[in-house]
Amino acid sequence: MFDPVEVVDYHTAGEPFRIVVGGAPQLEGSTVLAKRSYAAEHADQTRRLVTNEPRGHADMYGGFVVPPDDESGDLGVVFFHKDGYSTACGHGTIALVTWAIESGYLQGGGSPRRVVVDVPSGRLETVAEVGESGRVESVSFINVPSYVSGWQIPVQLSDGVVGVDIAYGGAFYASINASDVGLTVRPDNLPRFAAVAREVKGVLGQVSSVQHPVDDRLSGLYGTIFFEALDQDGRGLRQRNVTVFADGEIDRSPCGSGTSARLAILDSLAELERGATLLHESVIGTQFTGEVIGDAEVAGVHAVVTKVRGSAYKTGEAAFTLDPHDPIGLGFQLR
């Protein structure tokens, strides 16, 4: 029988983030990336308990709070979802920083508030705007360097060939213009987007364009972003997207690390001027803003430094248990 697993739930632009604050096994490892590997081997029962039905659902997301890699960091996080563990999660980072300040986990005050977060893909500098009441109004994070690793790779789908761009934003994402698969970014098209994303991952899941040049633990195609351009006002760019990650999970938010991947593509195509803002909308109409703020390099490959901003809101808290007589045990998943 489990000891109670204590969680605090937030959503960022509609996407859930379940923060495990008590009752999780201690994760060993000298870095957050190493702790991610340890969690997959030794803490998976806890992940399954809090993501599976009846306590979670097939699109649940969350994280284990862990110490930072060194004294220069403020906190660390191991991200998880219904199928396993991710290397990056922008919406989760925004929710985690919001929780850490609002709950008092991090001491101190003032606004703007700088918080350094270690995630599996690297170290993120974040800035929280805190209101007079102590509520966190928004969080922006400067992501790890993002870069394009593949242009218009032809992928044979069940109903035709589509060109796919691949970019890294802490995880590897395939980008497809939604019109190229005959769709618009609307909730009623989600089953078809999930089906196409599974086909894309089946073809591109381990190709060279999704191999990280420094650490193979960061390799593999994580998600597929279907995007469409929207009308815009003023200086900048407005796009709507739906990101399908893991095995058919639908991101309700505009996807934080995916926004960085999109920014790398848009910058390379000169479709977004430096200093201009990408207004990135989700399939439910919620928004992140993103911009390219500099240049970088990853193993000799040109990359960009991106900043993404969004807001998170607390939705509840709970202490989950498992009755030893419960025949469904750690739960189940229905789609």
C-alpha atoms as a PDB file:
ATOM      1  CA  MET A   1       0.000   0.000   0.000  1.00  0.00           C
ATOM      2  CA  PHE A   2       1.280   3.475  -0.877  1.00  0.00           C
ATOM      3  CA  ASP A   3       1.937   6.127   1.700  1.00  0.00           C
ATOM      4  CA  PRO A   4      -0.159   9.146   0.694  1.00  0.00           C
ATOM      5  CA  VAL A   5       1.271  10.913  -2.345  1.00  0.00           C
ATOM      6  CA  GLU A   6       0.653  14.624  -1.921  1.00  0.00           C
ATOM      7  CA  VAL A   7       0.138  16.759  -5.009  1.00  0.00           C
ATOM      8  CA  VAL A   8      -0.691  20.337  -5.923  1.00  0.00           C
ATOM      9  CA  ASP A   9      -2.360  20.880  -9.285  1.00  0.00           C
ATOM     10  CA  TYR A  10      -1.937  23.847 -11.599  1.00  0.00           C
ATOM     11  CA  HIS A  11      -2.833  24.531 -15.176  1.00  0.00           C
ATOM     12  CA  THR A  12      -0.810  26.635 -17.588  1.00  0.00           C
ATOM     13  CA  ALA A  13      -2.890  27.934 -20.495  1.00  0.00           C
ATOM     14  CA  GLY A  14      -5.231  24.998 -19.915  1.00  0.00           C
ATOM     15  CA  GLU A  15      -2.599  22.240 -19.757  1.00  0.00           C
ATOM     16  CA  PRO A  16      -2.493  20.388 -16.404  1.00  0.00           C
ATOM     17  CA  PHE A  17       0.615  20.146 -14.273  1.00  0.00           C
ATOM     18  CA  ARG A  18       0.502  17.915 -11.193  1.00  0.00           C
ATOM     19  CA  ILE A  19       3.332  18.739  -8.775  1.00  0.00           C
ATOM     20  CA  VAL A  20       4.287  15.899  -6.423  1.00  0.00           C
ATOM     21  CA  VAL A  21       5.209  17.621  -3.161  1.00  0.00           C
ATOM     22  CA  GLY A  22       5.216  14.670  -0.753  1.00  0.00           C
ATOM     23  CA  GLY A  23       5.265  10.891  -0.614  1.00  0.00           C
ATOM     24  CA  ALA A  24       7.480  10.303  -3.668  1.00  0.00           C
ATOM     25  CA  PRO A  25      10.602   8.138  -3.424  1.00  0.00           C
ATOM     26  CA  GLN A  26      13.902  10.012  -3.267  1.00  0.00           C
ATOM     27  CA  LEU A  27      15.421  10.251  -6.729  1.00  0.00           C
ATOM     28  CA  GLU A  28      19.140   9.529  -6.850  1.00  0.00           C
ATOM     29  CA  GLY A  29      21.618  11.095  -9.257  1.00  0.00           C
ATOM     30  CA  SER A  30      24.029  14.023  -9.396  1.00  0.00           C
ATOM     31  CA  THR A  31      21.977  15.929 -11.993  1.00  0.00           C
ATOM     32  CA  VAL A  32      18.312  16.313 -12.836  1.00  0.00           C
ATOM     33  CA  LEU A  33      18.931  14.403 -16.071  1.00  0.00           C
ATOM     34  CA  ALA A  34      20.386  11.507 -14.055  1.00  0.00           C
ATOM     35  CA  LYS A  35      17.438  11.672 -11.658  1.00  0.00           C
ATOM     36  CA  ARG A  36      15.125  11.364 -14.678  1.00  0.00           C
ATOM     37  CA  SER A  37      16.776   8.048 -15.553  1.00  0.00           C
ATOM     38  CA  TYR A  38      16.547   6.890 -11.943  1.00  0.00           C
ATOM     39  CA  ALA A  39      12.850   7.797 -11.792  1.00  0.00           C
ATOM     40  CA  ALA A  40      12.098   5.677 -14.847  1.00  0.00           C
ATOM     41  CA  GLU A  41      13.689   2.660 -13.154  1.00  0.00           C
ATOM     42  CA  HIS A  42      12.672   3.145  -9.524  1.00  0.00           C
ATOM     43  CA  ALA A  43       9.779   5.625  -9.182  1.00  0.00           C
ATOM     44  CA  ASP A  44       7.486   4.603 -11.976  1.00  0.00           C
ATOM     45  CA  GLN A  45       4.779   3.276  -9.686  1.00  0.00           C
ATOM     46  CA  THR A  46       4.318   6.769  -8.281  1.00  0.00           C
ATOM     47  CA  ARG A  47       4.134   8.283 -11.768  1.00  0.00           C
ATOM     48  CA  ARG A  48       1.515   5.725 -12.788  1.00  0.00           C
ATOM     49  CA  LEU A  49      -0.504   6.266  -9.610  1.00  0.00           C
ATOM     50  CA  VAL A  50      -0.870  10.030 -10.164  1.00  0.00           C
ATOM     51  CA  THR A  51      -1.295  10.037 -13.962  1.00  0.00           C
ATOM     52  CA  ASN A  52      -3.547   7.031 -14.592  1.00  0.00           C
ATOM     53  CA  GLU A  53      -7.294   7.004 -14.100  1.00  0.00           C
ATOM     54  CA  PRO A  54      -9.089   7.215 -11.752  1.00  0.00           C
ATOM     55  CA  ARG A  55      -6.705   9.774 -10.199  1.00  0.00           C
ATOM     56  CA  GLY A  56      -5.495  11.214 -13.494  1.00  0.00           C
ATOM     57  CA  HIS A  57      -6.295  10.843 -17.169  1.00  0.00           C
ATOM     58  CA  ALA A  58      -4.683  10.015 -20.500  1.00  0.00           C
ATOM     59  CA  ASP A  59      -3.445  13.600 -21.004  1.00  0.00           C
ATOM     60  CA  MET A  60      -2.139  14.213 -17.482  1.00  0.00           C
ATOM     61  CA  TYR A  61       1.230  15.881 -16.986  1.00  0.00           C
ATOM     62  CA  GLY A  62       3.287  16.519 -13.877  1.00  0.00           C
ATOM     63  CA  GLY A  63       6.645  16.535 -12.168  1.00  0.00           C
ATOM     64  CA  PHE A  64       8.712  15.502  -9.175  1.00  0.00           C
ATOM     65  CA  VAL A  65      10.319  18.411  -7.317  1.00  0.00           C
ATOM     66  CA  VAL A  66      14.030  17.698  -6.818  1.00  0.00           C
ATOM     67  CA  PRO A  67      17.106  19.669  -5.708  1.00  0.00           C
ATOM     68  CA  PRO A  68      18.954  21.712  -8.349  1.00  0.00           C
ATOM     69  CA  ASP A  69      22.173  20.454  -9.888  1.00  0.00           C
ATOM     70  CA  ASP A  70      24.287  22.809  -7.749  1.00  0.00           C
ATOM     71  CA  GLU A  71      24.055  25.749  -5.377  1.00  0.00           C
ATOM     72  CA  SER A  72      23.558  28.207  -8.245  1.00  0.00           C
ATOM     73  CA  GLY A  73      20.082  26.780  -8.902  1.00  0.00           C
ATOM     74  CA  ASP A  74      16.913  27.287  -6.906  1.00  0.00           C
ATOM     75  CA  LEU A  75      15.071  24.037  -7.633  1.00  0.00           C
ATOM     76  CA  GLY A  76      14.875  21.151 -10.065  1.00  0.00           C
ATOM     77  CA  VAL A  77      12.106  19.108 -11.635  1.00  0.00           C
ATOM     78  CA  VAL A  78      11.728  15.717 -13.310  1.00  0.00           C
ATOM     79  CA  PHE A  79       8.840  15.943 -15.773  1.00  0.00           C
ATOM     80  CA  PHE A  80       6.466  13.037 -16.407  1.00  0.00           C
ATOM     81  CA  HIS A  81       3.341  12.188 -18.389  1.00  0.00           C
ATOM     82  CA  LYS A  82       1.155   9.129 -18.910  1.00  0.00           C
ATOM     83  CA  ASP A  83       3.783   7.330 -21.012  1.00  0.00           C
ATOM     84  CA  GLY A  84       7.009   8.217 -19.199  1.00  0.00           C
ATOM     85  CA  TYR A  85       9.411  11.107 -18.685  1.00  0.00           C
ATOM     86  CA  SER A  86      10.173  14.115 -20.874  1.00  0.00           C
ATOM     87  CA  THR A  87      13.360  16.144 -21.205  1.00  0.00           C
ATOM     88  CA  ALA A  88      11.666  19.561 -21.306  1.00  0.00           C
ATOM     89  CA  CYS A  89       8.338  21.147 -20.449  1.00  0.00           C
ATOM     90  CA  GLY A  90       7.763  24.878 -20.755  1.00  0.00           C
ATOM     91  CA  HIS A  91       4.233  24.897 -19.368  1.00  0.00           C
ATOM     92  CA  GLY A  92       5.425  22.782 -16.448  1.00  0.00           C
ATOM     93  CA  THR A  93       8.286  25.172 -15.742  1.00  0.00           C
ATOM     94  CA  ILE A  94       5.845  28.100 -15.629  1.00  0.00           C
ATOM     95  CA  ALA A  95       3.547  26.194 -13.250  1.00  0.00           C
ATOM     96  CA  LEU A  96       6.411  25.013 -11.048  1.00  0.00           C
ATOM     97  CA  VAL A  97       7.838  28.505 -10.557  1.00  0.00           C
ATOM     98  CA  THR A  98       4.355  29.858  -9.844  1.00  0.00           C
ATOM     99  CA  TRP A  99       3.816  27.173  -7.186  1.00  0.00           C
ATOM    100  CA  ALA A 100       7.287  27.621  -5.666  1.00  0.00           C
ATOM    101  CA  ILE A 101       6.681  31.338  -5.068  1.00  0.00           C
ATOM    102  CA  GLU A 102       3.001  31.250  -4.121  1.00  0.00           C
ATOM    103  CA  SER A 103       3.431  28.328  -1.715  1.00  0.00           C
ATOM    104  CA  GLY A 104       6.485  29.781   0.009  1.00  0.00           C
ATOM    105  CA  TYR A 105       8.676  26.857  -1.092  1.00  0.00           C
ATOM    106  CA  LEU A 106      11.132  29.542  -2.190  1.00  0.00           C
ATOM    107  CA  GLN A 107      11.656  32.223   0.420  1.00  0.00           C
ATOM    108  CA  GLY A 108      11.983  35.892  -0.390  1.00  0.00           C
ATOM    109  CA  GLY A 109       9.902  38.452  -2.165  1.00  0.00           C
ATOM    110  CA  GLY A 110       9.887  41.295  -4.601  1.00  0.00           C
ATOM    111  CA  SER A 111       9.011  41.566  -8.243  1.00  0.00           C
ATOM    112  CA  PRO A 112      10.278  40.713 -10.732  1.00  0.00           C
ATOM    113  CA  ARG A 113      11.563  37.538  -9.075  1.00  0.00           C
ATOM    114  CA  ARG A 114      14.419  35.566 -10.646  1.00  0.00           C
ATOM    115  CA  VAL A 115      14.272  31.777 -10.212  1.00  0.00           C
ATOM    116  CA  VAL A 116      16.820  29.328 -11.650  1.00  0.00           C
ATOM    117  CA  VAL A 117      15.324  25.948 -12.526  1.00  0.00           C
ATOM    118  CA  ASP A 118      17.247  22.813 -13.508  1.00  0.00           C
ATOM    119  CA  VAL A 119      15.348  20.530 -15.886  1.00  0.00           C
ATOM    120  CA  PRO A 120      16.603  17.422 -17.722  1.00  0.00           C
ATOM    121  CA  SER A 121      17.547  19.424 -20.833  1.00  0.00           C
ATOM    122  CA  GLY A 122      19.550  22.000 -18.865  1.00  0.00           C
ATOM    123  CA  ARG A 123      19.359  25.123 -16.733  1.00  0.00           C
ATOM    124  CA  LEU A 124      16.575  27.662 -17.265  1.00  0.00           C
ATOM    125  CA  GLU A 125      16.627  31.272 -16.131  1.00  0.00           C
ATOM    126  CA  THR A 126      13.085  32.315 -15.252  1.00  0.00           C
ATOM    127  CA  VAL A 127      11.538  35.598 -14.175  1.00  0.00           C
ATOM    128  CA  ALA A 128       8.232  35.816 -12.327  1.00  0.00           C
ATOM    129  CA  GLU A 129       6.089  38.923 -12.203  1.00  0.00           C
ATOM    130  CA  VAL A 130       4.495  38.966  -8.747  1.00  0.00           C
ATOM    131  CA  GLY A 131       1.539  41.146  -7.817  1.00  0.00           C
ATOM    132  CA  GLU A 132       1.069  42.991  -4.534  1.00  0.00           C
ATOM    133  CA  SER A 133      -1.081  40.166  -3.208  1.00  0.00           C
ATOM    134  CA  GLY A 134       1.723  37.665  -3.760  1.00  0.00           C
ATOM    135  CA  ARG A 135       0.023  36.037  -6.732  1.00  0.00           C
ATOM    136  CA  VAL A 136       2.330  35.238  -9.626  1.00  0.00           C
ATOM    137  CA  GLU A 137       0.902  37.022 -12.649  1.00  0.00           C
ATOM    138  CA  SER A 138       3.243  35.550 -15.267  1.00  0.00           C
ATOM    139  CA  VAL A 139       6.483  33.628 -15.670  1.00  0.00           C
ATOM    140  CA  SER A 140       8.957  33.881 -18.521  1.00  0.00           C
ATOM    141  CA  PHE A 141      11.799  31.446 -19.080  1.00  0.00           C
ATOM    142  CA  ILE A 142      14.930  31.632 -21.182  1.00  0.00           C
ATOM    143  CA  ASN A 143      15.204  28.200 -22.712  1.00  0.00           C
ATOM    144  CA  VAL A 144      18.225  26.093 -23.554  1.00  0.00           C
ATOM    145  CA  PRO A 145      19.579  26.899 -27.049  1.00  0.00           C
ATOM    146  CA  SER A 146      17.109  25.905 -29.786  1.00  0.00           C
ATOM    147  CA  TYR A 147      18.025  24.940 -33.337  1.00  0.00           C
ATOM    148  CA  VAL A 148      16.737  23.448 -36.571  1.00  0.00           C
ATOM    149  CA  SER A 149      18.016  19.961 -37.328  1.00  0.00           C
ATOM    150  CA  GLY A 150      16.026  19.025 -40.443  1.00  0.00           C
ATOM    151  CA  TRP A 151      14.199  20.792 -43.268  1.00  0.00           C
ATOM    152  CA  GLN A 152      11.244  19.445 -45.228  1.00  0.00           C
ATOM    153  CA  ILE A 153      11.956  15.795 -44.615  1.00  0.00           C
ATOM    154  CA  PRO A 154       9.468  13.801 -46.728  1.00  0.00           C
ATOM    155  CA  VAL A 155       7.308  11.487 -44.627  1.00  0.00           C
ATOM    156  CA  GLN A 156       5.033   8.931 -46.239  1.00  0.00           C
ATOM    157  CA  LEU A 157       1.690   8.929 -44.448  1.00  0.00           C
ATOM    158  CA  SER A 158      -1.219   6.587 -45.044  1.00  0.00           C
ATOM    159  CA  ASP A 159      -2.859   9.168 -47.311  1.00  0.00           C
ATOM    160  CA  GLY A 160       0.122  10.936 -48.901  1.00  0.00           C
ATOM    161  CA  VAL A 161       3.531  12.510 -48.388  1.00  0.00           C
ATOM    162  CA  VAL A 162       4.103  15.517 -46.128  1.00  0.00           C
ATOM    163  CA  GLY A 163       7.202  17.696 -45.635  1.00  0.00           C
ATOM    164  CA  VAL A 164       8.370  17.927 -42.023  1.00  0.00           C
ATOM    165  CA  ASP A 165      10.775  20.369 -40.365  1.00  0.00           C
ATOM    166  CA  ILE A 166      12.508  19.245 -37.169  1.00  0.00           C
ATOM    167  CA  ALA A 167      13.754  21.563 -34.439  1.00  0.00           C
ATOM    168  CA  TYR A 168      15.031  21.229 -30.894  1.00  0.00           C
ATOM    169  CA  GLY A 169      13.674  23.318 -28.031  1.00  0.00           C
ATOM    170  CA  GLY A 170      14.776  21.140 -25.108  1.00  0.00           C
ATOM    171  CA  ALA A 171      13.126  18.225 -26.909  1.00  0.00           C
ATOM    172  CA  PHE A 172      12.838  17.427 -30.610  1.00  0.00           C
ATOM    173  CA  TYR A 173       9.645  18.424 -32.415  1.00  0.00           C
ATOM    174  CA  ALA A 174       8.408  17.845 -35.940  1.00  0.00           C
ATOM    175  CA  SER A 175       6.603  20.853 -37.436  1.00  0.00           C
ATOM    176  CA  ILE A 176       3.886  20.443 -40.074  1.00  0.00           C
ATOM    177  CA  ASN A 177       1.641  23.068 -41.608  1.00  0.00           C
ATOM    178  CA  ALA A 178      -1.843  21.837 -40.700  1.00  0.00           C
ATOM    179  CA  SER A 179      -3.094  22.618 -44.212  1.00  0.00           C
ATOM    180  CA  ASP A 180      -0.539  20.146 -45.609  1.00  0.00           C
ATOM    181  CA  VAL A 181      -2.565  17.351 -44.020  1.00  0.00           C
ATOM    182  CA  GLY A 182      -5.872  18.930 -44.983  1.00  0.00           C
ATOM    183  CA  LEU A 183      -6.757  20.168 -41.497  1.00  0.00           C
ATOM    184  CA  THR A 184      -7.289  23.320 -39.472  1.00  0.00           C
ATOM    185  CA  VAL A 185      -6.304  23.624 -35.823  1.00  0.00           C
ATOM    186  CA  ARG A 186      -9.692  22.958 -34.234  1.00  0.00           C
ATOM    187  CA  PRO A 187     -10.716  20.673 -31.362  1.00  0.00           C
ATOM    188  CA  ASP A 188     -12.885  18.508 -33.611  1.00  0.00           C
ATOM    189  CA  ASN A 189      -9.786  17.561 -35.643  1.00  0.00           C
ATOM    190  CA  LEU A 190      -7.837  16.272 -32.640  1.00  0.00           C
ATOM    191  CA  PRO A 191      -8.340  12.538 -33.366  1.00  0.00           C
ATOM    192  CA  ARG A 192      -6.907  13.000 -36.850  1.00  0.00           C
ATOM    193  CA  PHE A 193      -3.973  15.079 -35.558  1.00  0.00           C
ATOM    194  CA  ALA A 194      -3.163  12.349 -33.042  1.00  0.00           C
ATOM    195  CA  ALA A 195      -3.292   9.684 -35.752  1.00  0.00           C
ATOM    196  CA  VAL A 196      -0.990  11.637 -38.073  1.00  0.00           C
ATOM    197  CA  ALA A 197       1.420  12.383 -35.206  1.00  0.00           C
ATOM    198  CA  ARG A 198       1.697   8.675 -34.450  1.00  0.00           C
ATOM    199  CA  GLU A 199       2.530   8.007 -38.099  1.00  0.00           C
ATOM    200  CA  VAL A 200       5.153  10.764 -38.110  1.00  0.00           C
ATOM    201  CA  LYS A 201       6.747   9.445 -34.934  1.00  0.00           C
ATOM    202  CA  GLY A 202       6.784   5.954 -36.365  1.00  0.00           C
ATOM    203  CA  VAL A 203       8.847   7.192 -39.308  1.00  0.00           C
ATOM    204  CA  LEU A 204      11.028   9.857 -37.674  1.00  0.00           C
ATOM    205  CA  GLY A 205      11.261   8.629 -34.098  1.00  0.00           C
ATOM    206  CA  GLN A 206      14.979   7.816 -34.230  1.00  0.00           C
ATOM    207  CA  VAL A 207      16.320   9.379 -37.463  1.00  0.00           C
ATOM    208  CA  SER A 208      19.586  11.325 -37.385  1.00  0.00           C
ATOM    209  CA  SER A 209      17.761  14.663 -37.199  1.00  0.00           C
ATOM    210  CA  VAL A 210      16.473  13.789 -33.717  1.00  0.00           C
ATOM    211  CA  GLN A 211      19.819  12.649 -32.325  1.00  0.00           C
ATOM    212  CA  HIS A 212      21.208  15.133 -29.821  1.00  0.00           C
ATOM    213  CA  PRO A 213      24.838  15.990 -30.679  1.00  0.00           C
ATOM    214  CA  VAL A 214      26.022  16.113 -27.049  1.00  0.00           C
ATOM    215  CA  ASP A 215      23.919  13.740 -24.921  1.00  0.00           C
ATOM    216  CA  ASP A 216      21.992  10.818 -26.381  1.00  0.00           C
ATOM    217  CA  ARG A 217      19.629  10.848 -23.391  1.00  0.00           C
ATOM    218  CA  LEU A 218      18.071  13.936 -25.017  1.00  0.00           C
ATOM    219  CA  SER A 219      17.541  12.191 -28.370  1.00  0.00           C
ATOM    220  CA  GLY A 220      14.308  11.012 -29.979  1.00  0.00           C
ATOM    221  CA  LEU A 221      11.278  12.700 -31.506  1.00  0.00           C
ATOM    222  CA  TYR A 222       9.093  13.866 -28.630  1.00  0.00           C
ATOM    223  CA  GLY A 223       6.225  15.660 -30.340  1.00  0.00           C
ATOM    224  CA  THR A 224       4.636  16.855 -33.558  1.00  0.00           C
ATOM    225  CA  ILE A 225       3.441  20.452 -33.912  1.00  0.00           C
ATOM    226  CA  PHE A 226       0.669  21.241 -36.383  1.00  0.00           C
ATOM    227  CA  PHE A 227       0.520  24.999 -37.005  1.00  0.00           C
ATOM    228  CA  GLU A 228      -1.413  27.560 -38.972  1.00  0.00           C
ATOM    229  CA  ALA A 229      -0.881  31.293 -39.521  1.00  0.00           C
ATOM    230  CA  LEU A 230      -3.446  33.749 -38.202  1.00  0.00           C
ATOM    231  CA  ASP A 231      -4.124  37.386 -38.964  1.00  0.00           C
ATOM    232  CA  GLN A 232      -1.886  39.699 -37.019  1.00  0.00           C
ATOM    233  CA  ASP A 233      -1.981  43.268 -35.800  1.00  0.00           C
ATOM    234  CA  GLY A 234       1.135  45.368 -35.466  1.00  0.00           C
ATOM    235  CA  ARG A 235       4.713  44.076 -35.385  1.00  0.00           C
ATOM    236  CA  GLY A 236       5.095  40.371 -34.853  1.00  0.00           C
ATOM    237  CA  LEU A 237       3.544  37.079 -35.844  1.00  0.00           C
ATOM    238  CA  ARG A 238       0.461  35.175 -34.709  1.00  0.00           C
ATOM    239  CA  GLN A 239       0.098  31.430 -35.120  1.00  0.00           C
ATOM    240  CA  ARG A 240      -2.155  28.724 -33.723  1.00  0.00           C
ATOM    241  CA  ASN A 241      -0.887  25.216 -33.064  1.00  0.00           C
ATOM    242  CA  VAL A 242      -1.711  21.903 -31.547  1.00  0.00           C
ATOM    243  CA  THR A 243       1.139  19.776 -30.257  1.00  0.00           C
ATOM    244  CA  VAL A 244       0.785  16.002 -29.989  1.00  0.00           C
ATOM    245  CA  PHE A 245       3.457  14.476 -27.765  1.00  0.00           C
ATOM    246  CA  ALA A 246       4.393  11.086 -26.339  1.00  0.00           C
ATOM    247  CA  ASP A 247       1.829   8.525 -27.531  1.00  0.00           C
ATOM    248  CA  GLY A 248      -1.050  10.681 -28.726  1.00  0.00           C
ATOM    249  CA  GLU A 249      -1.199  13.151 -25.835  1.00  0.00           C
ATOM    250  CA  ILE A 250      -2.751  16.508 -26.768  1.00  0.00           C
ATOM    251  CA  ASP A 251      -1.209  19.671 -25.352  1.00  0.00           C
ATOM    252  CA  ARG A 252      -3.956  22.088 -24.339  1.00  0.00           C
ATOM    253  CA  SER A 253      -1.413  24.909 -24.065  1.00  0.00           C
ATOM    254  CA  PRO A 254       0.605  26.350 -26.961  1.00  0.00           C
ATOM    255  CA  CYS A 255       3.506  24.112 -25.739  1.00  0.00           C
ATOM    256  CA  GLY A 256       6.415  25.971 -24.153  1.00  0.00           C
ATOM    257  CA  SER A 257       9.398  23.990 -25.406  1.00  0.00           C
ATOM    258  CA  GLY A 258       7.563  23.573 -28.716  1.00  0.00           C
ATOM    259  CA  THR A 259       7.260  27.366 -28.923  1.00  0.00           C
ATOM    260  CA  SER A 260      11.069  27.549 -28.687  1.00  0.00           C
ATOM    261  CA  ALA A 261      11.357  24.985 -31.487  1.00  0.00           C
ATOM    262  CA  ARG A 262       8.945  27.017 -33.623  1.00  0.00           C
ATOM    263  CA  LEU A 263      10.926  30.196 -32.909  1.00  0.00           C
ATOM    264  CA  ALA A 264      14.105  28.532 -34.167  1.00  0.00           C
ATOM    265  CA  ILE A 265      12.353  27.647 -37.426  1.00  0.00           C
ATOM    266  CA  LEU A 266      10.743  31.062 -37.873  1.00  0.00           C
ATOM    267  CA  ASP A 267      14.058  32.804 -37.194  1.00  0.00           C
ATOM    268  CA  SER A 268      15.899  30.631 -39.729  1.00  0.00           C
ATOM    269  CA  LEU A 269      13.234  31.395 -42.342  1.00  0.00           C
ATOM    270  CA  ALA A 270      13.388  35.119 -41.500  1.00  0.00           C
ATOM    271  CA  GLU A 271       9.619  35.023 -40.894  1.00  0.00           C
ATOM    272  CA  LEU A 272       9.968  36.634 -37.450  1.00  0.00           C
ATOM    273  CA  GLU A 273      12.176  39.682 -37.078  1.00  0.00           C
ATOM    274  CA  ARG A 274      14.520  39.905 -34.136  1.00  0.00           C
ATOM    275  CA  GLY A 275      12.806  41.888 -31.412  1.00  0.00           C
ATOM    276  CA  ALA A 276       9.365  40.922 -32.696  1.00  0.00           C
ATOM    277  CA  THR A 277       6.976  38.698 -30.755  1.00  0.00           C
ATOM    278  CA  LEU A 278       5.342  35.417 -31.680  1.00  0.00           C
ATOM    279  CA  LEU A 279       1.818  35.285 -30.276  1.00  0.00           C
ATOM    280  CA  HIS A 280       1.390  31.548 -30.025  1.00  0.00           C
ATOM    281  CA  GLU A 281      -2.166  30.254 -29.559  1.00  0.00           C
ATOM    282  CA  SER A 282      -3.288  26.802 -28.522  1.00  0.00           C
ATOM    283  CA  VAL A 283      -6.097  24.665 -29.872  1.00  0.00           C
ATOM    284  CA  ILE A 284      -8.353  26.060 -27.107  1.00  0.00           C
ATOM    285  CA  GLY A 285      -7.339  29.693 -27.738  1.00  0.00           C
ATOM    286  CA  THR A 286      -4.965  30.225 -24.798  1.00  0.00           C
ATOM    287  CA  GLN A 287      -1.698  32.038 -25.469  1.00  0.00           C
ATOM    288  CA  PHE A 288       2.034  32.159 -24.865  1.00  0.00           C
ATOM    289  CA  THR A 289       4.326  34.851 -26.182  1.00  0.00           C
ATOM    290  CA  GLY A 290       7.782  34.047 -27.478  1.00  0.00           C
ATOM    291  CA  GLU A 291      10.747  35.841 -28.965  1.00  0.00           C
ATOM    292  CA  VAL A 292      14.302  35.202 -30.112  1.00  0.00           C
ATOM    293  CA  ILE A 293      16.675  37.194 -27.912  1.00  0.00           C
ATOM    294  CA  GLY A 294      20.098  36.051 -29.102  1.00  0.00           C
ATOM    295  CA  ASP A 295      22.326  33.542 -30.834  1.00  0.00           C
ATOM    296  CA  ALA A 296      24.080  30.466 -29.505  1.00  0.00           C
ATOM    297  CA  GLU A 297      25.818  27.298 -30.660  1.00  0.00           C
ATOM    298  CA  VAL A 298      25.281  23.620 -29.910  1.00  0.00           C
ATOM    299  CA  ALA A 299      28.179  21.359 -30.925  1.00  0.00           C
ATOM    300  CA  GLY A 300      29.075  23.625 -33.844  1.00  0.00           C
ATOM    301  CA  VAL A 301      25.447  24.061 -34.948  1.00  0.00           C
ATOM    302  CA  HIS A 302      23.936  27.554 -34.979  1.00  0.00           C
ATOM    303  CA  ALA A 303      21.184  27.943 -32.412  1.00  0.00           C
ATOM    304  CA  VAL A 304      19.047  30.715 -30.974  1.00  0.00           C
ATOM    305  CA  VAL A 305      18.221  31.808 -27.458  1.00  0.00           C
ATOM    306  CA  THR A 306      14.478  32.096 -26.899  1.00  0.00           C
ATOM    307  CA  LYS A 307      12.239  33.536 -24.206  1.00  0.00           C
ATOM    308  CA  VAL A 308       8.706  32.232 -23.639  1.00  0.00           C
ATOM    309  CA  ARG A 309       6.094  33.727 -21.328  1.00  0.00           C
ATOM    310  CA  GLY A 310       2.811  32.451 -19.879  1.00  0.00           C
ATOM    311  CA  SER A 311       0.689  32.232 -16.736  1.00  0.00           C
ATOM    312  CA  ALA A 312      -0.362  29.370 -14.459  1.00  0.00           C
ATOM    313  CA  TYR A 313      -3.229  28.994 -11.992  1.00  0.00           C
ATOM    314  CA  LYS A 314      -3.765  26.672  -9.052  1.00  0.00           C
ATOM    315  CA  THR A 315      -6.648  24.238  -9.450  1.00  0.00           C
ATOM    316  CA  GLY A 316      -6.435  22.116  -6.307  1.00  0.00           C
ATOM    317  CA  GLU A 317      -4.487  19.746  -4.112  1.00  0.00           C
ATOM    318  CA  ALA A 318      -4.866  16.175  -2.980  1.00  0.00           C
ATOM    319  CA  ALA A 319      -3.327  13.236  -1.154  1.00  0.00           C
ATOM    320  CA  PHE A 320      -3.635  10.079  -3.242  1.00  0.00           C
ATOM    321  CA  THR A 321      -3.614   6.601  -1.730  1.00  0.00           C
ATOM    322  CA  LEU A 322      -3.886   3.042  -3.016  1.00  0.00           C
ATOM    323  CA  ASP A 323      -6.120   0.608  -1.202  1.00  0.00           C
ATOM    324  CA  PRO A 324      -4.336  -2.794  -1.230  1.00  0.00           C
ATOM    325  CA  HIS A 325      -7.698  -4.417  -1.991  1.00  0.00           C
ATOM    326  CA  ASP A 326      -8.377  -2.197  -5.034  1.00  0.00           C
ATOM    327  CA  PRO A 327      -8.542  -4.548  -8.053  1.00  0.00           C
ATOM    328  CA  ILE A 328      -7.493  -1.849 -10.546  1.00  0.00           C
ATOM    329  CA  GLY A 329      -4.298  -1.145  -8.639  1.00  0.00           C
ATOM    330  CA  LEU A 330      -2.216   1.660 -10.164  1.00  0.00           C
ATOM    331  CA  GLY A 331      -5.035   2.475 -12.544  1.00  0.00           C
ATOM    332  CA  PHE A 332      -5.726   2.425 -16.246  1.00  0.00           C
ATOM    333  CA  GLN A 333      -5.907   4.619 -19.343  1.00  0.00           C
ATOM    334  CA  LEU A 334      -8.786   5.227 -21.681  1.00  0.00           C
ATOM    335  CA  ARG A 335      -8.672   7.443 -24.754  1.00  0.00           C
END
